[in-house]
N, C-alpha and C. Protein backbone atom coordinates (compact mmCIF):
# COMPACT_ATOMS: atom_id res chain seq x y z
N MET A 1 -6.55 7.23 8.03
CA MET A 1 -5.67 7.52 6.91
C MET A 1 -5.50 6.28 6.03
N SER A 2 -5.35 5.10 6.62
CA SER A 2 -5.10 3.91 5.82
C SER A 2 -6.31 3.56 4.96
N LYS A 3 -7.51 3.82 5.45
CA LYS A 3 -8.71 3.50 4.69
C LYS A 3 -8.73 4.25 3.35
N GLU A 4 -8.37 5.53 3.38
CA GLU A 4 -8.32 6.33 2.15
C GLU A 4 -7.30 5.75 1.17
N ILE A 5 -6.14 5.37 1.67
CA ILE A 5 -5.10 4.80 0.81
C ILE A 5 -5.57 3.50 0.20
N LEU A 6 -6.18 2.64 1.01
CA LEU A 6 -6.67 1.35 0.51
C LEU A 6 -7.71 1.54 -0.58
N GLU A 7 -8.61 2.50 -0.39
CA GLU A 7 -9.63 2.78 -1.40
C GLU A 7 -9.01 3.30 -2.69
N LEU A 8 -8.00 4.16 -2.58
CA LEU A 8 -7.31 4.66 -3.77
C LEU A 8 -6.63 3.53 -4.52
N ILE A 9 -5.97 2.63 -3.79
CA ILE A 9 -5.29 1.50 -4.43
C ILE A 9 -6.30 0.61 -5.14
N GLU A 10 -7.45 0.39 -4.54
CA GLU A 10 -8.48 -0.47 -5.13
C GLU A 10 -9.03 0.11 -6.43
N ARG A 11 -9.07 1.44 -6.54
CA ARG A 11 -9.67 2.09 -7.71
C ARG A 11 -8.68 2.48 -8.80
N VAL A 12 -7.39 2.52 -8.48
CA VAL A 12 -6.41 3.08 -9.43
C VAL A 12 -6.20 2.16 -10.64
N LEU A 13 -5.99 2.78 -11.77
CA LEU A 13 -5.58 2.06 -12.98
C LEU A 13 -4.06 2.18 -13.08
N PRO A 14 -3.37 1.08 -13.36
CA PRO A 14 -1.90 1.12 -13.37
C PRO A 14 -1.28 2.14 -14.33
N ASP A 15 -2.03 2.59 -15.35
CA ASP A 15 -1.46 3.57 -16.29
C ASP A 15 -1.80 5.01 -15.91
N ASP A 16 -2.48 5.24 -14.79
CA ASP A 16 -2.82 6.58 -14.32
C ASP A 16 -1.69 7.08 -13.41
N THR A 17 -0.69 7.72 -14.02
CA THR A 17 0.51 8.10 -13.27
C THR A 17 0.21 9.14 -12.19
N ALA A 18 -0.71 10.06 -12.42
CA ALA A 18 -1.04 11.07 -11.41
C ALA A 18 -1.64 10.40 -10.17
N ALA A 19 -2.54 9.47 -10.36
CA ALA A 19 -3.14 8.77 -9.22
C ALA A 19 -2.11 7.90 -8.51
N MET A 20 -1.23 7.26 -9.29
CA MET A 20 -0.19 6.43 -8.68
C MET A 20 0.76 7.31 -7.86
N ASP A 21 1.10 8.50 -8.37
CA ASP A 21 1.95 9.44 -7.64
C ASP A 21 1.29 9.87 -6.33
N GLU A 22 -0.01 10.12 -6.37
CA GLU A 22 -0.71 10.52 -5.15
C GLU A 22 -0.68 9.39 -4.12
N ILE A 23 -0.88 8.17 -4.57
CA ILE A 23 -0.82 7.03 -3.65
C ILE A 23 0.58 6.93 -3.05
N ASP A 24 1.61 7.07 -3.89
CA ASP A 24 2.99 7.02 -3.38
C ASP A 24 3.22 8.05 -2.29
N ALA A 25 2.73 9.27 -2.51
CA ALA A 25 2.91 10.35 -1.53
C ALA A 25 2.14 10.04 -0.24
N ARG A 26 0.92 9.56 -0.38
CA ARG A 26 0.12 9.22 0.80
C ARG A 26 0.75 8.07 1.58
N VAL A 27 1.27 7.07 0.87
CA VAL A 27 1.91 5.94 1.55
C VAL A 27 3.17 6.41 2.26
N TRP A 28 3.96 7.25 1.61
CA TRP A 28 5.17 7.78 2.25
C TRP A 28 4.81 8.47 3.56
N CYS A 29 3.79 9.32 3.53
CA CYS A 29 3.35 10.02 4.75
C CYS A 29 2.83 9.02 5.78
N PHE A 30 2.08 8.03 5.35
CA PHE A 30 1.52 7.02 6.26
C PHE A 30 2.64 6.25 6.96
N VAL A 31 3.63 5.81 6.20
CA VAL A 31 4.75 5.05 6.76
C VAL A 31 5.53 5.90 7.76
N LYS A 32 5.72 7.18 7.46
CA LYS A 32 6.46 8.09 8.33
C LYS A 32 5.59 8.68 9.45
N GLU A 33 4.30 8.31 9.44
CA GLU A 33 3.32 8.82 10.41
C GLU A 33 3.20 10.34 10.36
N LEU A 34 3.13 10.86 9.13
CA LEU A 34 2.92 12.28 8.88
C LEU A 34 1.52 12.48 8.30
N ALA A 35 0.96 13.65 8.47
CA ALA A 35 -0.35 13.96 7.93
C ALA A 35 -0.21 14.49 6.50
N PHE A 36 -0.69 13.71 5.52
CA PHE A 36 -0.66 14.13 4.12
C PHE A 36 -1.62 15.30 3.95
N GLU A 37 -1.18 16.31 3.17
CA GLU A 37 -2.04 17.46 2.87
C GLU A 37 -2.47 17.47 1.41
N GLU A 38 -1.48 17.58 0.52
CA GLU A 38 -1.81 17.67 -0.91
C GLU A 38 -0.55 17.52 -1.75
N ILE A 39 -0.80 17.37 -3.06
CA ILE A 39 0.29 17.43 -4.03
C ILE A 39 0.07 18.69 -4.85
N GLU A 40 1.11 19.50 -4.94
CA GLU A 40 0.99 20.76 -5.67
C GLU A 40 2.30 21.04 -6.40
N SER A 41 2.22 21.21 -7.71
CA SER A 41 3.39 21.54 -8.53
C SER A 41 4.58 20.63 -8.23
N ASN A 42 4.33 19.34 -8.26
CA ASN A 42 5.37 18.32 -8.05
C ASN A 42 5.98 18.33 -6.65
N TRP A 43 5.25 18.85 -5.67
CA TRP A 43 5.65 18.81 -4.27
C TRP A 43 4.59 18.09 -3.46
N CYS A 44 5.02 17.29 -2.51
CA CYS A 44 4.11 16.65 -1.56
C CYS A 44 4.13 17.48 -0.28
N TRP A 45 2.95 17.99 0.10
CA TRP A 45 2.81 18.78 1.31
C TRP A 45 2.27 17.92 2.43
N PHE A 46 2.84 18.07 3.62
CA PHE A 46 2.44 17.28 4.78
C PHE A 46 2.70 18.09 6.04
N ILE A 47 2.20 17.58 7.17
CA ILE A 47 2.41 18.25 8.46
C ILE A 47 3.46 17.48 9.24
N LEU A 48 4.53 18.18 9.64
CA LEU A 48 5.61 17.60 10.42
C LEU A 48 5.77 18.43 11.68
N ASP A 49 5.51 17.83 12.83
CA ASP A 49 5.60 18.54 14.12
C ASP A 49 4.78 19.83 14.12
N GLY A 50 3.58 19.76 13.53
CA GLY A 50 2.69 20.91 13.51
C GLY A 50 3.02 21.95 12.46
N ILE A 51 4.05 21.72 11.66
CA ILE A 51 4.47 22.69 10.64
C ILE A 51 4.22 22.12 9.25
N ARG A 52 3.62 22.94 8.40
CA ARG A 52 3.38 22.52 7.02
C ARG A 52 4.73 22.44 6.30
N SER A 53 5.04 21.26 5.79
CA SER A 53 6.34 21.02 5.15
C SER A 53 6.12 20.41 3.77
N LYS A 54 7.19 20.34 2.99
CA LYS A 54 7.05 19.77 1.65
C LYS A 54 8.28 18.95 1.29
N ARG A 55 8.09 18.06 0.31
CA ARG A 55 9.17 17.23 -0.21
C ARG A 55 8.93 17.07 -1.70
N PRO A 56 9.98 17.15 -2.52
CA PRO A 56 9.79 16.99 -3.96
C PRO A 56 9.28 15.58 -4.29
N MET A 57 8.33 15.51 -5.20
CA MET A 57 7.78 14.21 -5.60
C MET A 57 8.85 13.31 -6.22
N ASP A 58 9.87 13.92 -6.83
CA ASP A 58 10.94 13.12 -7.44
C ASP A 58 11.69 12.28 -6.41
N TYR A 59 11.63 12.67 -5.14
CA TYR A 59 12.34 11.95 -4.08
C TYR A 59 11.43 11.00 -3.30
N MET A 60 10.18 10.86 -3.74
CA MET A 60 9.25 9.93 -3.10
C MET A 60 9.53 8.51 -3.59
N ALA A 61 9.43 7.55 -2.70
CA ALA A 61 9.55 6.15 -3.11
C ALA A 61 8.36 5.82 -4.00
N LYS A 62 8.59 5.01 -5.00
CA LYS A 62 7.54 4.61 -5.93
C LYS A 62 6.93 3.28 -5.48
N TYR A 63 6.21 3.33 -4.36
CA TYR A 63 5.62 2.13 -3.77
C TYR A 63 4.67 1.42 -4.72
N THR A 64 3.98 2.18 -5.59
CA THR A 64 2.99 1.59 -6.49
C THR A 64 3.61 0.95 -7.72
N ARG A 65 4.91 1.14 -7.89
CA ARG A 65 5.57 0.63 -9.10
C ARG A 65 6.75 -0.29 -8.81
N SER A 66 7.15 -0.40 -7.55
CA SER A 66 8.38 -1.13 -7.25
C SER A 66 8.25 -1.96 -5.98
N LEU A 67 8.48 -3.26 -6.12
CA LEU A 67 8.51 -4.12 -4.94
C LEU A 67 9.72 -3.78 -4.08
N ASP A 68 10.82 -3.34 -4.72
CA ASP A 68 12.01 -2.93 -3.96
C ASP A 68 11.70 -1.75 -3.05
N ALA A 69 10.94 -0.78 -3.55
CA ALA A 69 10.58 0.38 -2.72
C ALA A 69 9.72 -0.05 -1.53
N GLN A 70 8.90 -1.07 -1.73
CA GLN A 70 8.04 -1.55 -0.66
C GLN A 70 8.81 -2.22 0.48
N GLU A 71 10.04 -2.60 0.23
CA GLU A 71 10.86 -3.22 1.28
C GLU A 71 11.06 -2.27 2.46
N ALA A 72 10.93 -0.97 2.23
CA ALA A 72 11.08 0.01 3.31
C ALA A 72 9.89 -0.01 4.27
N ILE A 73 8.80 -0.63 3.87
CA ILE A 73 7.62 -0.74 4.74
C ILE A 73 7.83 -1.95 5.64
N ASP A 74 7.91 -1.70 6.94
CA ASP A 74 8.23 -2.76 7.91
C ASP A 74 7.08 -3.74 8.07
N THR A 75 7.32 -4.97 7.63
CA THR A 75 6.35 -6.05 7.81
C THR A 75 7.06 -7.29 8.33
N ASN A 76 8.02 -7.09 9.24
CA ASN A 76 8.76 -8.21 9.82
C ASN A 76 7.80 -9.19 10.49
N GLY A 77 8.05 -10.48 10.26
CA GLY A 77 7.24 -11.52 10.86
C GLY A 77 6.01 -11.90 10.05
N TRP A 78 5.77 -11.19 8.96
CA TRP A 78 4.63 -11.48 8.09
C TRP A 78 5.13 -12.22 6.86
N PHE A 79 4.34 -13.14 6.38
CA PHE A 79 4.68 -13.93 5.20
C PHE A 79 3.66 -13.65 4.10
N PHE A 80 4.14 -13.58 2.86
CA PHE A 80 3.29 -13.24 1.73
C PHE A 80 3.18 -14.42 0.77
N ASP A 81 1.98 -14.65 0.29
CA ASP A 81 1.70 -15.69 -0.70
C ASP A 81 1.04 -14.99 -1.88
N ILE A 82 1.71 -15.01 -3.02
CA ILE A 82 1.20 -14.34 -4.21
C ILE A 82 0.75 -15.39 -5.22
N SER A 83 -0.43 -15.21 -5.78
CA SER A 83 -0.90 -16.13 -6.82
C SER A 83 -1.74 -15.37 -7.83
N ASN A 84 -1.72 -15.84 -9.06
CA ASN A 84 -2.56 -15.26 -10.10
C ASN A 84 -3.82 -16.10 -10.22
N ILE A 85 -4.95 -15.46 -10.22
CA ILE A 85 -6.24 -16.13 -10.31
C ILE A 85 -6.72 -16.00 -11.75
N LEU A 86 -7.25 -17.09 -12.29
CA LEU A 86 -7.74 -17.08 -13.66
C LEU A 86 -8.77 -15.97 -13.86
N PRO A 87 -8.98 -15.59 -15.11
CA PRO A 87 -9.88 -14.46 -15.37
C PRO A 87 -11.26 -14.65 -14.74
N TYR A 88 -11.75 -13.56 -14.17
CA TYR A 88 -13.09 -13.54 -13.61
C TYR A 88 -14.04 -13.01 -14.68
N PRO A 89 -15.04 -13.79 -15.11
CA PRO A 89 -15.97 -13.30 -16.14
C PRO A 89 -16.70 -12.04 -15.70
N TRP A 90 -16.99 -11.90 -14.41
CA TRP A 90 -17.72 -10.73 -13.92
C TRP A 90 -16.81 -9.52 -13.72
N LYS A 91 -15.50 -9.69 -13.96
CA LYS A 91 -14.57 -8.56 -13.85
C LYS A 91 -13.86 -8.36 -15.19
N ASP A 92 -14.61 -8.37 -16.26
CA ASP A 92 -14.09 -8.13 -17.61
C ASP A 92 -13.00 -9.12 -18.01
N ASN A 93 -13.06 -10.33 -17.50
CA ASN A 93 -12.11 -11.40 -17.83
C ASN A 93 -10.66 -11.02 -17.53
N THR A 94 -10.44 -10.20 -16.53
CA THR A 94 -9.08 -9.84 -16.18
C THR A 94 -8.50 -10.84 -15.19
N VAL A 95 -7.20 -11.06 -15.31
CA VAL A 95 -6.50 -11.92 -14.36
C VAL A 95 -6.28 -11.10 -13.09
N ILE A 96 -6.56 -11.70 -11.96
CA ILE A 96 -6.43 -11.02 -10.67
C ILE A 96 -5.20 -11.57 -9.96
N THR A 97 -4.43 -10.67 -9.36
CA THR A 97 -3.31 -11.10 -8.52
C THR A 97 -3.79 -11.08 -7.08
N ARG A 98 -3.66 -12.22 -6.41
CA ARG A 98 -4.07 -12.33 -5.01
C ARG A 98 -2.83 -12.32 -4.13
N CYS A 99 -2.84 -11.46 -3.14
CA CYS A 99 -1.77 -11.40 -2.15
C CYS A 99 -2.38 -11.74 -0.81
N ARG A 100 -1.87 -12.81 -0.20
CA ARG A 100 -2.29 -13.16 1.15
C ARG A 100 -1.11 -12.92 2.06
N ALA A 101 -1.37 -12.29 3.18
CA ALA A 101 -0.31 -12.04 4.17
C ALA A 101 -0.73 -12.71 5.47
N TYR A 102 0.23 -13.43 6.09
CA TYR A 102 -0.04 -14.17 7.32
C TYR A 102 1.00 -13.82 8.36
N LYS A 103 0.58 -13.84 9.59
CA LYS A 103 1.53 -13.74 10.70
C LYS A 103 1.25 -14.94 11.61
N TRP A 104 2.26 -15.77 11.76
CA TRP A 104 2.08 -16.99 12.53
C TRP A 104 2.28 -16.74 14.00
N GLY A 105 1.41 -17.34 14.78
CA GLY A 105 1.48 -17.22 16.23
C GLY A 105 1.92 -18.53 16.85
N PRO A 106 1.70 -18.69 18.12
CA PRO A 106 2.06 -19.93 18.81
C PRO A 106 1.33 -21.12 18.19
N PHE A 107 2.01 -22.23 18.11
CA PHE A 107 1.44 -23.48 17.58
C PHE A 107 0.99 -23.36 16.14
N CYS A 108 1.65 -22.48 15.38
CA CYS A 108 1.38 -22.29 13.95
C CYS A 108 -0.06 -21.87 13.65
N ILE A 109 -0.66 -21.13 14.56
CA ILE A 109 -2.00 -20.60 14.33
C ILE A 109 -1.84 -19.16 13.86
N SER A 110 -2.49 -18.83 12.78
CA SER A 110 -2.40 -17.47 12.25
C SER A 110 -3.40 -16.58 12.97
N PRO A 111 -2.92 -15.66 13.83
CA PRO A 111 -3.84 -14.79 14.54
C PRO A 111 -4.48 -13.75 13.62
N LYS A 112 -3.84 -13.45 12.52
CA LYS A 112 -4.38 -12.43 11.63
C LYS A 112 -3.88 -12.69 10.22
N SER A 113 -4.74 -12.48 9.25
CA SER A 113 -4.32 -12.58 7.85
C SER A 113 -5.08 -11.54 7.04
N PHE A 114 -4.49 -11.14 5.92
CA PHE A 114 -5.09 -10.16 5.03
C PHE A 114 -5.06 -10.70 3.62
N ARG A 115 -6.06 -10.36 2.82
CA ARG A 115 -6.09 -10.79 1.43
C ARG A 115 -6.42 -9.58 0.57
N SER A 116 -5.68 -9.43 -0.52
CA SER A 116 -5.92 -8.34 -1.46
C SER A 116 -5.97 -8.92 -2.86
N ASP A 117 -7.04 -8.68 -3.58
CA ASP A 117 -7.19 -9.12 -4.96
C ASP A 117 -7.20 -7.88 -5.86
N LEU A 118 -6.10 -7.64 -6.58
CA LEU A 118 -6.00 -6.47 -7.43
C LEU A 118 -5.39 -6.84 -8.78
N SER A 119 -5.27 -5.87 -9.66
CA SER A 119 -4.88 -6.16 -11.04
C SER A 119 -3.40 -6.52 -11.21
N ILE A 120 -2.52 -5.95 -10.40
CA ILE A 120 -1.10 -6.26 -10.53
C ILE A 120 -0.48 -6.55 -9.17
N GLU A 121 0.59 -7.34 -9.17
CA GLU A 121 1.20 -7.79 -7.91
C GLU A 121 1.65 -6.64 -7.02
N VAL A 122 2.29 -5.64 -7.59
CA VAL A 122 2.84 -4.57 -6.77
C VAL A 122 1.73 -3.84 -6.00
N LEU A 123 0.55 -3.67 -6.61
CA LEU A 123 -0.57 -3.03 -5.92
C LEU A 123 -1.20 -3.97 -4.89
N ALA A 124 -1.31 -5.24 -5.22
CA ALA A 124 -1.88 -6.22 -4.28
C ALA A 124 -1.01 -6.32 -3.03
N ARG A 125 0.30 -6.37 -3.23
CA ARG A 125 1.22 -6.47 -2.10
C ARG A 125 1.19 -5.17 -1.26
N LEU A 126 1.16 -4.01 -1.92
CA LEU A 126 1.09 -2.73 -1.20
C LEU A 126 -0.20 -2.65 -0.39
N HIS A 127 -1.30 -3.07 -0.96
CA HIS A 127 -2.60 -3.07 -0.28
C HIS A 127 -2.51 -3.89 1.00
N ALA A 128 -1.91 -5.08 0.92
CA ALA A 128 -1.75 -5.94 2.11
C ALA A 128 -0.82 -5.29 3.13
N LYS A 129 0.27 -4.68 2.66
CA LYS A 129 1.24 -4.07 3.59
C LYS A 129 0.63 -2.90 4.35
N ILE A 130 -0.20 -2.11 3.70
CA ILE A 130 -0.86 -0.99 4.38
C ILE A 130 -1.76 -1.53 5.49
N GLN A 131 -2.48 -2.61 5.21
CA GLN A 131 -3.34 -3.22 6.23
C GLN A 131 -2.51 -3.74 7.40
N ILE A 132 -1.36 -4.33 7.10
CA ILE A 132 -0.48 -4.86 8.14
C ILE A 132 0.03 -3.74 9.05
N VAL A 133 0.54 -2.66 8.45
CA VAL A 133 1.06 -1.54 9.25
C VAL A 133 -0.04 -0.97 10.13
N ASP A 134 -1.22 -0.80 9.56
CA ASP A 134 -2.33 -0.27 10.34
C ASP A 134 -2.70 -1.23 11.48
N TYR A 135 -2.75 -2.51 11.20
CA TYR A 135 -3.05 -3.53 12.23
C TYR A 135 -2.00 -3.50 13.35
N GLU A 136 -0.72 -3.47 12.95
CA GLU A 136 0.36 -3.49 13.94
C GLU A 136 0.33 -2.23 14.83
N ARG A 137 0.06 -1.08 14.24
CA ARG A 137 0.01 0.16 15.02
C ARG A 137 -1.16 0.15 16.01
N ASN A 138 -2.27 -0.43 15.61
CA ASN A 138 -3.46 -0.42 16.45
C ASN A 138 -3.54 -1.59 17.43
N ASN A 139 -2.61 -2.54 17.33
CA ASN A 139 -2.66 -3.73 18.19
C ASN A 139 -1.31 -4.00 18.86
N LYS A 140 -0.70 -2.95 19.38
CA LYS A 140 0.60 -3.10 20.05
C LYS A 140 0.43 -3.65 21.43
């Protein structure tokens, strides 16, 4: 599930509200460990305890647009370093926002780190957070 979300984040344009809404719905389901189904008529459909359920899109957290909304994604113990990288000539001279996430282990050695280079900070940070949640779930 996280791979699909990461790919959507990498491809989305910040002004594509429909795609951003779909990412928000998928992230909400991912965080809650629910199976995302679809978005239909402003409703997010998902599977909850084997039952097809829905939630209005208006009540979904806007993870793709708000750093405050991303605070609900548990990344305790991880540290974020955000920096803007000068324009890349091979990427249409766009400024890239780099988000590095680190988790420090014994003796200040980082056992795991993630890097996301995307067009805006909120997407770069969300991309890193999805990787962290997936890593934490798979490495308990």
